[in-house]
């Protein structure tokens, strides 16, 4: 998937599954949208199945807990994908 396709998939998940209204790429997910740790775990599951196509390791999931924005998610996914393709 390209960067734009990943972005579009994340935005689709956030608007359809989490009912975000017009999320901005730099919105703080917790402060601006009430995103909590349960939501983060659910989002990671959706990222695994719809974007990555593989399960994340415990370490990779722990690193994801510092994510605050959609742009952070994009960078995180691209890092995971590049580390797995080596």
PDB file of N, CA and C in Angstrom:
ATOM      1  N   UNK A   1       0.844  -1.189   0.000  1.00  0.00           N
ATOM      2  CA  UNK A   1       0.000   0.000   0.000  1.00  0.00           C
ATOM      3  C   UNK A   1       0.884   1.246   0.000  1.00  0.00           C
ATOM      4  N   UNK A   2       0.423   2.253  -0.726  1.00  0.00           N
ATOM      5  CA  UNK A   2       1.136   3.527  -0.740  1.00  0.00           C
ATOM      6  C   UNK A   2       0.782   4.322   0.525  1.00  0.00           C
ATOM      7  N   UNK A   3       1.525   5.383   0.751  1.00  0.00           N
ATOM      8  CA  UNK A   3       1.269   6.267   1.882  1.00  0.00           C
ATOM      9  C   UNK A   3      -0.175   6.777   1.847  1.00  0.00           C
ATOM     10  N   UNK A   4      -0.618   7.219   0.674  1.00  0.00           N
ATOM     11  CA  UNK A   4      -1.983   7.749   0.542  1.00  0.00           C
ATOM     12  C   UNK A   4      -3.039   6.675   0.790  1.00  0.00           C
ATOM     13  N   UNK A   5      -2.790   5.457   0.329  1.00  0.00           N
ATOM     14  CA  UNK A   5      -3.736   4.361   0.555  1.00  0.00           C
ATOM     15  C   UNK A   5      -3.816   4.013   2.047  1.00  0.00           C
ATOM     16  N   UNK A   6      -2.669   4.026   2.712  1.00  0.00           N
ATOM     17  CA  UNK A   6      -2.660   3.760   4.163  1.00  0.00           C
ATOM     18  C   UNK A   6      -3.426   4.856   4.893  1.00  0.00           C
ATOM     19  N   UNK A   7      -3.157   6.113   4.526  1.00  0.00           N
ATOM     20  CA  UNK A   7      -3.864   7.252   5.143  1.00  0.00           C
ATOM     21  C   UNK A   7      -5.366   7.113   4.953  1.00  0.00           C
ATOM     22  N   UNK A   8      -5.788   6.808   3.733  1.00  0.00           N
ATOM     23  CA  UNK A   8      -7.215   6.676   3.443  1.00  0.00           C
ATOM     24  C   UNK A   8      -7.837   5.520   4.232  1.00  0.00           C
ATOM     25  N   UNK A   9      -7.109   4.410   4.366  1.00  0.00           N
ATOM     26  CA  UNK A   9      -7.618   3.265   5.133  1.00  0.00           C
ATOM     27  C   UNK A   9      -7.775   3.620   6.606  1.00  0.00           C
ATOM     28  N   UNK A  10      -6.812   4.352   7.153  1.00  0.00           N
ATOM     29  CA  UNK A  10      -6.893   4.763   8.559  1.00  0.00           C
ATOM     30  C   UNK A  10      -8.061   5.715   8.760  1.00  0.00           C
ATOM     31  N   UNK A  11      -8.197   6.692   7.874  1.00  0.00           N
ATOM     32  CA  UNK A  11      -9.313   7.638   7.990  1.00  0.00           C
ATOM     33  C   UNK A  11     -10.656   6.917   7.883  1.00  0.00           C
ATOM     34  N   UNK A  12     -10.735   5.934   7.010  1.00  0.00           N
ATOM     35  CA  UNK A  12     -11.977   5.168   6.869  1.00  0.00           C
ATOM     36  C   UNK A  12     -12.288   4.417   8.170  1.00  0.00           C
ATOM     37  N   UNK A  13     -11.291   3.782   8.757  1.00  0.00           N
ATOM     38  CA  UNK A  13     -11.486   3.067  10.029  1.00  0.00           C
ATOM     39  C   UNK A  13     -11.950   4.036  11.106  1.00  0.00           C
ATOM     40  N   UNK A  14     -11.292   5.173  11.205  1.00  0.00           N
ATOM     41  CA  UNK A  14     -11.624   6.135  12.268  1.00  0.00           C
ATOM     42  C   UNK A  14     -13.016   6.735  12.097  1.00  0.00           C
ATOM     43  N   UNK A  15     -13.417   6.987  10.856  1.00  0.00           N
ATOM     44  CA  UNK A  15     -14.743   7.591  10.653  1.00  0.00           C
ATOM     45  C   UNK A  15     -15.859   6.557  10.733  1.00  0.00           C
ATOM     46  N   UNK A  16     -15.621   5.354  10.202  1.00  0.00           N
ATOM     47  CA  UNK A  16     -16.678   4.337  10.189  1.00  0.00           C
ATOM     48  C   UNK A  16     -16.777   3.560  11.501  1.00  0.00           C
ATOM     49  N   UNK A  17     -15.649   3.154  12.048  1.00  0.00           N
ATOM     50  CA  UNK A  17     -15.672   2.302  13.239  1.00  0.00           C
ATOM     51  C   UNK A  17     -15.646   3.082  14.549  1.00  0.00           C
ATOM     52  N   UNK A  18     -15.016   4.253  14.533  1.00  0.00           N
ATOM     53  CA  UNK A  18     -14.893   5.034  15.762  1.00  0.00           C
ATOM     54  C   UNK A  18     -15.720   6.315  15.715  1.00  0.00           C
ATOM     55  N   UNK A  19     -16.424   6.531  14.599  1.00  0.00           N
ATOM     56  CA  UNK A  19     -17.347   7.657  14.428  1.00  0.00           C
ATOM     57  C   UNK A  19     -16.685   9.020  14.599  1.00  0.00           C
ATOM     58  N   UNK A  20     -15.440   9.143  14.147  1.00  0.00           N
ATOM     59  CA  UNK A  20     -14.771  10.445  14.136  1.00  0.00           C
ATOM     60  C   UNK A  20     -15.445  11.316  13.090  1.00  0.00           C
ATOM     61  N   UNK A  21     -15.559  12.587  13.379  1.00  0.00           N
ATOM     62  CA  UNK A  21     -16.100  13.558  12.443  1.00  0.00           C
ATOM     63  C   UNK A  21     -14.954  14.390  11.880  1.00  0.00           C
ATOM     64  N   UNK A  22     -14.624  14.189  10.616  1.00  0.00           N
ATOM     65  CA  UNK A  22     -13.591  14.948   9.915  1.00  0.00           C
ATOM     66  C   UNK A  22     -12.275  15.006  10.698  1.00  0.00           C
ATOM     67  N   UNK A  23     -11.647  13.866  10.948  1.00  0.00           N
ATOM     68  CA  UNK A  23     -10.386  13.891  11.696  1.00  0.00           C
ATOM     69  C   UNK A  23      -9.272  14.559  10.898  1.00  0.00           C
ATOM     70  N   UNK A  24      -8.507  15.403  11.579  1.00  0.00           N
ATOM     71  CA  UNK A  24      -7.344  16.028  10.971  1.00  0.00           C
ATOM     72  C   UNK A  24      -6.117  15.167  11.221  1.00  0.00           C
ATOM     73  N   UNK A  25      -5.170  15.195  10.315  1.00  0.00           N
ATOM     74  CA  UNK A  25      -3.993  14.341  10.429  1.00  0.00           C
ATOM     75  C   UNK A  25      -3.142  14.665  11.649  1.00  0.00           C
ATOM     76  N   UNK A  26      -3.248  15.897  12.145  1.00  0.00           N
ATOM     77  CA  UNK A  26      -2.476  16.286  13.322  1.00  0.00           C
ATOM     78  C   UNK A  26      -3.325  16.443  14.579  1.00  0.00           C
ATOM     79  N   UNK A  27      -4.600  16.042  14.518  1.00  0.00           N
ATOM     80  CA  UNK A  27      -5.452  16.063  15.714  1.00  0.00           C
ATOM     81  C   UNK A  27      -4.867  15.134  16.770  1.00  0.00           C
ATOM     82  N   UNK A  28      -4.924  15.552  18.022  1.00  0.00           N
ATOM     83  CA  UNK A  28      -4.550  14.658  19.111  1.00  0.00           C
ATOM     84  C   UNK A  28      -5.736  13.727  19.325  1.00  0.00           C
ATOM     85  N   UNK A  29      -5.529  12.442  19.080  1.00  0.00           N
ATOM     86  CA  UNK A  29      -6.639  11.487  19.125  1.00  0.00           C
ATOM     87  C   UNK A  29      -7.311  11.456  20.491  1.00  0.00           C
ATOM     88  N   UNK A  30      -6.540  11.556  21.542  1.00  0.00           N
ATOM     89  CA  UNK A  30      -7.110  11.510  22.898  1.00  0.00           C
ATOM     90  C   UNK A  30      -7.825  12.813  23.248  1.00  0.00           C
ATOM     91  N   UNK A  31      -7.150  13.922  23.041  1.00  0.00           N
ATOM     92  CA  UNK A  31      -7.714  15.206  23.444  1.00  0.00           C
ATOM     93  C   UNK A  31      -8.858  15.662  22.531  1.00  0.00           C
ATOM     94  N   UNK A  32      -8.685  15.478  21.233  1.00  0.00           N
ATOM     95  CA  UNK A  32      -9.665  15.996  20.280  1.00  0.00           C
ATOM     96  C   UNK A  32     -10.820  15.036  19.994  1.00  0.00           C
ATOM     97  N   UNK A  33     -10.593  13.734  20.221  1.00  0.00           N
ATOM     98  CA  UNK A  33     -11.614  12.751  19.848  1.00  0.00           C
ATOM     99  C   UNK A  33     -11.968  11.773  20.967  1.00  0.00           C
ATOM    100  N   UNK A  34     -11.405  11.941  22.154  1.00  0.00           N
ATOM    101  CA  UNK A  34     -11.739  11.070  23.279  1.00  0.00           C
ATOM    102  C   UNK A  34     -11.249   9.641  23.130  1.00  0.00           C
ATOM    103  N   UNK A  35     -10.220   9.442  22.310  1.00  0.00           N
ATOM    104  CA  UNK A  35      -9.651   8.116  22.056  1.00  0.00           C
ATOM    105  C   UNK A  35      -8.964   7.623  23.322  1.00  0.00           C
ATOM    106  N   UNK A  36      -9.282   6.393  23.759  1.00  0.00           N
ATOM    107  CA  UNK A  36      -8.652   5.866  24.974  1.00  0.00           C
ATOM    108  C   UNK A  36      -7.852   4.603  24.657  1.00  0.00           C
ATOM    109  N   UNK A  37      -7.294   3.973  25.686  1.00  0.00           N
ATOM    110  CA  UNK A  37      -6.435   2.808  25.464  1.00  0.00           C
ATOM    111  C   UNK A  37      -7.206   1.625  24.874  1.00  0.00           C
ATOM    112  N   UNK A  38      -8.463   1.473  25.228  1.00  0.00           N
ATOM    113  CA  UNK A  38      -9.289   0.403  24.640  1.00  0.00           C
ATOM    114  C   UNK A  38      -9.452   0.658  23.142  1.00  0.00           C
ATOM    115  N   UNK A  39      -9.709   1.915  22.776  1.00  0.00           N
ATOM    116  CA  UNK A  39      -9.820   2.271  21.364  1.00  0.00           C
ATOM    117  C   UNK A  39      -8.508   1.976  20.637  1.00  0.00           C
ATOM    118  N   UNK A  40      -7.383   2.295  21.275  1.00  0.00           N
ATOM    119  CA  UNK A  40      -6.071   2.077  20.662  1.00  0.00           C
ATOM    120  C   UNK A  40      -5.846   0.594  20.373  1.00  0.00           C
ATOM    121  N   UNK A  41      -6.221  -0.259  21.303  1.00  0.00           N
ATOM    122  CA  UNK A  41      -6.069  -1.707  21.113  1.00  0.00           C
ATOM    123  C   UNK A  41      -6.951  -2.180  19.957  1.00  0.00           C
ATOM    124  N   UNK A  42      -8.175  -1.685  19.917  1.00  0.00           N
ATOM    125  CA  UNK A  42      -9.082  -2.058  18.830  1.00  0.00           C
ATOM    126  C   UNK A  42      -8.543  -1.573  17.482  1.00  0.00           C
ATOM    127  N   UNK A  43      -8.017  -0.353  17.461  1.00  0.00           N
ATOM    128  CA  UNK A  43      -7.448   0.186  16.227  1.00  0.00           C
ATOM    129  C   UNK A  43      -6.256  -0.648  15.770  1.00  0.00           C
ATOM    130  N   UNK A  44      -5.400  -1.044  16.690  1.00  0.00           N
ATOM    131  CA  UNK A  44      -4.259  -1.884  16.324  1.00  0.00           C
ATOM    132  C   UNK A  44      -4.718  -3.189  15.675  1.00  0.00           C
ATOM    133  N   UNK A  45      -5.766  -3.783  16.213  1.00  0.00           N
ATOM    134  CA  UNK A  45      -6.304  -5.002  15.620  1.00  0.00           C
ATOM    135  C   UNK A  45      -6.769  -4.779  14.193  1.00  0.00           C
ATOM    136  N   UNK A  46      -7.425  -3.650  13.962  1.00  0.00           N
ATOM    137  CA  UNK A  46      -7.905  -3.335  12.616  1.00  0.00           C
ATOM    138  C   UNK A  46      -6.732  -3.060  11.674  1.00  0.00           C
ATOM    139  N   UNK A  47      -5.700  -2.401  12.176  1.00  0.00           N
ATOM    140  CA  UNK A  47      -4.510  -2.143  11.366  1.00  0.00           C
ATOM    141  C   UNK A  47      -3.851  -3.466  10.968  1.00  0.00           C
ATOM    142  N   UNK A  48      -3.782  -4.397  11.917  1.00  0.00           N
ATOM    143  CA  UNK A  48      -3.183  -5.702  11.623  1.00  0.00           C
ATOM    144  C   UNK A  48      -3.933  -6.416  10.496  1.00  0.00           C
ATOM    145  N   UNK A  49      -5.258  -6.421  10.572  1.00  0.00           N
ATOM    146  CA  UNK A  49      -6.044  -7.200   9.612  1.00  0.00           C
ATOM    147  C   UNK A  49      -6.279  -6.482   8.291  1.00  0.00           C
ATOM    148  N   UNK A  50      -6.488  -5.175   8.309  1.00  0.00           N
ATOM    149  CA  UNK A  50      -6.870  -4.494   7.065  1.00  0.00           C
ATOM    150  C   UNK A  50      -5.716  -3.815   6.341  1.00  0.00           C
ATOM    151  N   UNK A  51      -4.648  -3.484   7.061  1.00  0.00           N
ATOM    152  CA  UNK A  51      -3.555  -2.746   6.427  1.00  0.00           C
ATOM    153  C   UNK A  51      -2.281  -3.585   6.342  1.00  0.00           C
ATOM    154  N   UNK A  52      -1.860  -4.162   7.460  1.00  0.00           N
ATOM    155  CA  UNK A  52      -0.595  -4.882   7.488  1.00  0.00           C
ATOM    156  C   UNK A  52      -0.689  -6.316   6.964  1.00  0.00           C
ATOM    157  N   UNK A  53      -1.747  -7.004   7.326  1.00  0.00           N
ATOM    158  CA  UNK A  53      -1.895  -8.393   6.916  1.00  0.00           C
ATOM    159  C   UNK A  53      -1.078  -9.361   7.755  1.00  0.00           C
ATOM    160  N   UNK A  54      -0.601  -8.913   8.901  1.00  0.00           N
ATOM    161  CA  UNK A  54       0.116  -9.782   9.830  1.00  0.00           C
ATOM    162  C   UNK A  54      -0.060  -9.252  11.245  1.00  0.00           C
ATOM    163  N   UNK A  55       0.205 -10.105  12.220  1.00  0.00           N
ATOM    164  CA  UNK A  55       0.070  -9.717  13.625  1.00  0.00           C
ATOM    165  C   UNK A  55       1.320  -8.990  14.103  1.00  0.00           C
ATOM    166  N   UNK A  56       1.101  -7.992  14.934  1.00  0.00           N
ATOM    167  CA  UNK A  56       2.204  -7.247  15.535  1.00  0.00           C
ATOM    168  C   UNK A  56       2.755  -8.012  16.734  1.00  0.00           C
ATOM    169  N   UNK A  57       4.041  -7.831  16.988  1.00  0.00           N
ATOM    170  CA  UNK A  57       4.638  -8.410  18.186  1.00  0.00           C
ATOM    171  C   UNK A  57       4.234  -7.580  19.393  1.00  0.00           C
ATOM    172  N   UNK A  58       4.428  -8.131  20.556  1.00  0.00           N
ATOM    173  CA  UNK A  58       4.122  -7.391  21.786  1.00  0.00           C
ATOM    174  C   UNK A  58       4.925  -6.091  21.831  1.00  0.00           C
ATOM    175  N   UNK A  59       6.183  -6.151  21.460  1.00  0.00           N
ATOM    176  CA  UNK A  59       7.041  -4.963  21.466  1.00  0.00           C
ATOM    177  C   UNK A  59       6.508  -3.903  20.501  1.00  0.00           C
ATOM    178  N   UNK A  60       6.083  -4.330  19.319  1.00  0.00           N
ATOM    179  CA  UNK A  60       5.530  -3.389  18.343  1.00  0.00           C
ATOM    180  C   UNK A  60       4.251  -2.746  18.873  1.00  0.00           C
ATOM    181  N   UNK A  61       3.422  -3.527  19.541  1.00  0.00           N
ATOM    182  CA  UNK A  61       2.193  -2.987  20.127  1.00  0.00           C
ATOM    183  C   UNK A  61       2.498  -1.993  21.240  1.00  0.00           C
ATOM    184  N   UNK A  62       3.500  -2.289  22.057  1.00  0.00           N
ATOM    185  CA  UNK A  62       3.871  -1.368  23.137  1.00  0.00           C
ATOM    186  C   UNK A  62       4.357  -0.034  22.577  1.00  0.00           C
ATOM    187  N   UNK A  63       5.113  -0.066  21.485  1.00  0.00           N
ATOM    188  CA  UNK A  63       5.580   1.168  20.856  1.00  0.00           C
ATOM    189  C   UNK A  63       4.408   1.999  20.340  1.00  0.00           C
ATOM    190  N   UNK A  64       3.337   1.341  19.940  1.00  0.00           N
ATOM    191  CA  UNK A  64       2.171   2.040  19.402  1.00  0.00           C
ATOM    192  C   UNK A  64       1.433   2.852  20.465  1.00  0.00           C
ATOM    193  N   UNK A  65       1.620   2.527  21.718  1.00  0.00           N
ATOM    194  CA  UNK A  65       0.888   3.217  22.780  1.00  0.00           C
ATOM    195  C   UNK A  65       1.292   4.685  22.922  1.00  0.00           C
ATOM    196  N   UNK A  66       2.392   5.096  22.306  1.00  0.00           N
ATOM    197  CA  UNK A  66       2.800   6.497  22.338  1.00  0.00           C
ATOM    198  C   UNK A  66       2.233   7.330  21.207  1.00  0.00           C
ATOM    199  N   UNK A  67       1.465   6.715  20.352  1.00  0.00           N
ATOM    200  CA  UNK A  67       0.894   7.414  19.197  1.00  0.00           C
ATOM    201  C   UNK A  67      -0.163   8.415  19.656  1.00  0.00           C
ATOM    202  N   UNK A  68      -0.094   9.607  19.075  1.00  0.00           N
ATOM    203  CA  UNK A  68      -1.051  10.654  19.452  1.00  0.00           C
ATOM    204  C   UNK A  68      -1.875  11.181  18.274  1.00  0.00           C
ATOM    205  N   UNK A  69      -1.326  11.102  17.048  1.00  0.00           N
ATOM    206  CA  UNK A  69      -2.006  11.684  15.884  1.00  0.00           C
ATOM    207  C   UNK A  69      -2.105  10.663  14.752  1.00  0.00           C
ATOM    208  N   UNK A  70      -2.901  10.987  13.757  1.00  0.00           N
ATOM    209  CA  UNK A  70      -3.006  10.132  12.576  1.00  0.00           C
ATOM    210  C   UNK A  70      -1.666  10.095  11.843  1.00  0.00           C
ATOM    211  N   UNK A  71      -0.979  11.231  11.781  1.00  0.00           N
ATOM    212  CA  UNK A  71       0.345  11.238  11.174  1.00  0.00           C
ATOM    213  C   UNK A  71       1.302  10.308  11.917  1.00  0.00           C
ATOM    214  N   UNK A  72       1.177  10.241  13.259  1.00  0.00           N
ATOM    215  CA  UNK A  72       1.982   9.292  14.033  1.00  0.00           C
ATOM    216  C   UNK A  72       1.670   7.851  13.616  1.00  0.00           C
ATOM    217  N   UNK A  73       0.386   7.564  13.394  1.00  0.00           N
ATOM    218  CA  UNK A  73      -0.017   6.219  12.971  1.00  0.00           C
ATOM    219  C   UNK A  73       0.610   5.887  11.620  1.00  0.00           C
ATOM    220  N   UNK A  74       0.570   6.842  10.699  1.00  0.00           N
ATOM    221  CA  UNK A  74       1.153   6.622   9.378  1.00  0.00           C
ATOM    222  C   UNK A  74       2.638   6.303   9.477  1.00  0.00           C
ATOM    223  N   UNK A  75       3.362   7.100  10.262  1.00  0.00           N
ATOM    224  CA  UNK A  75       4.789   6.857  10.438  1.00  0.00           C
ATOM    225  C   UNK A  75       5.061   5.510  11.076  1.00  0.00           C
ATOM    226  N   UNK A  76       4.240   5.160  12.054  1.00  0.00           N
ATOM    227  CA  UNK A  76       4.368   3.881  12.757  1.00  0.00           C
ATOM    228  C   UNK A  76       4.182   2.718  11.784  1.00  0.00           C
ATOM    229  N   UNK A  77       3.130   2.762  10.980  1.00  0.00           N
ATOM    230  CA  UNK A  77       2.846   1.683  10.029  1.00  0.00           C
ATOM    231  C   UNK A  77       3.972   1.568   9.011  1.00  0.00           C
ATOM    232  N   UNK A  78       4.443   2.698   8.500  1.00  0.00           N
ATOM    233  CA  UNK A  78       5.513   2.657   7.510  1.00  0.00           C
ATOM    234  C   UNK A  78       6.795   2.086   8.113  1.00  0.00           C
ATOM    235  N   UNK A  79       7.078   2.407   9.374  1.00  0.00           N
ATOM    236  CA  UNK A  79       8.251   1.850  10.052  1.00  0.00           C
ATOM    237  C   UNK A  79       8.117   0.343  10.212  1.00  0.00           C
ATOM    238  N   UNK A  80       6.947  -0.108  10.654  1.00  0.00           N
ATOM    239  CA  UNK A  80       6.709  -1.548  10.831  1.00  0.00           C
ATOM    240  C   UNK A  80       6.849  -2.272   9.494  1.00  0.00           C
ATOM    241  N   UNK A  81       6.218  -1.723   8.454  1.00  0.00           N
ATOM    242  CA  UNK A  81       6.277  -2.378   7.151  1.00  0.00           C
ATOM    243  C   UNK A  81       7.701  -2.464   6.635  1.00  0.00           C
ATOM    244  N   UNK A  82       8.479  -1.408   6.800  1.00  0.00           N
ATOM    245  CA  UNK A  82       9.854  -1.435   6.281  1.00  0.00           C
ATOM    246  C   UNK A  82      10.733  -2.378   7.102  1.00  0.00           C
ATOM    247  N   UNK A  83      10.497  -2.463   8.416  1.00  0.00           N
ATOM    248  CA  UNK A  83      11.304  -3.368   9.237  1.00  0.00           C
ATOM    249  C   UNK A  83      10.978  -4.833   8.946  1.00  0.00           C
ATOM    250  N   UNK A  84       9.766  -5.110   8.543  1.00  0.00           N
ATOM    251  CA  UNK A  84       9.364  -6.476   8.232  1.00  0.00           C
ATOM    252  C   UNK A  84       9.785  -6.896   6.816  1.00  0.00           C
ATOM    253  N   UNK A  85      10.037  -5.930   5.939  1.00  0.00           N
ATOM    254  CA  UNK A  85      10.380  -6.285   4.568  1.00  0.00           C
ATOM    255  C   UNK A  85      11.875  -6.560   4.400  1.00  0.00           C
ATOM    256  N   UNK A  86      12.668  -6.307   5.431  1.00  0.00           N
ATOM    257  CA  UNK A  86      14.122  -6.540   5.337  1.00  0.00           C
ATOM    258  C   UNK A  86      14.461  -7.996   5.514  1.00  0.00           C
TER     259      UNK A  86
END
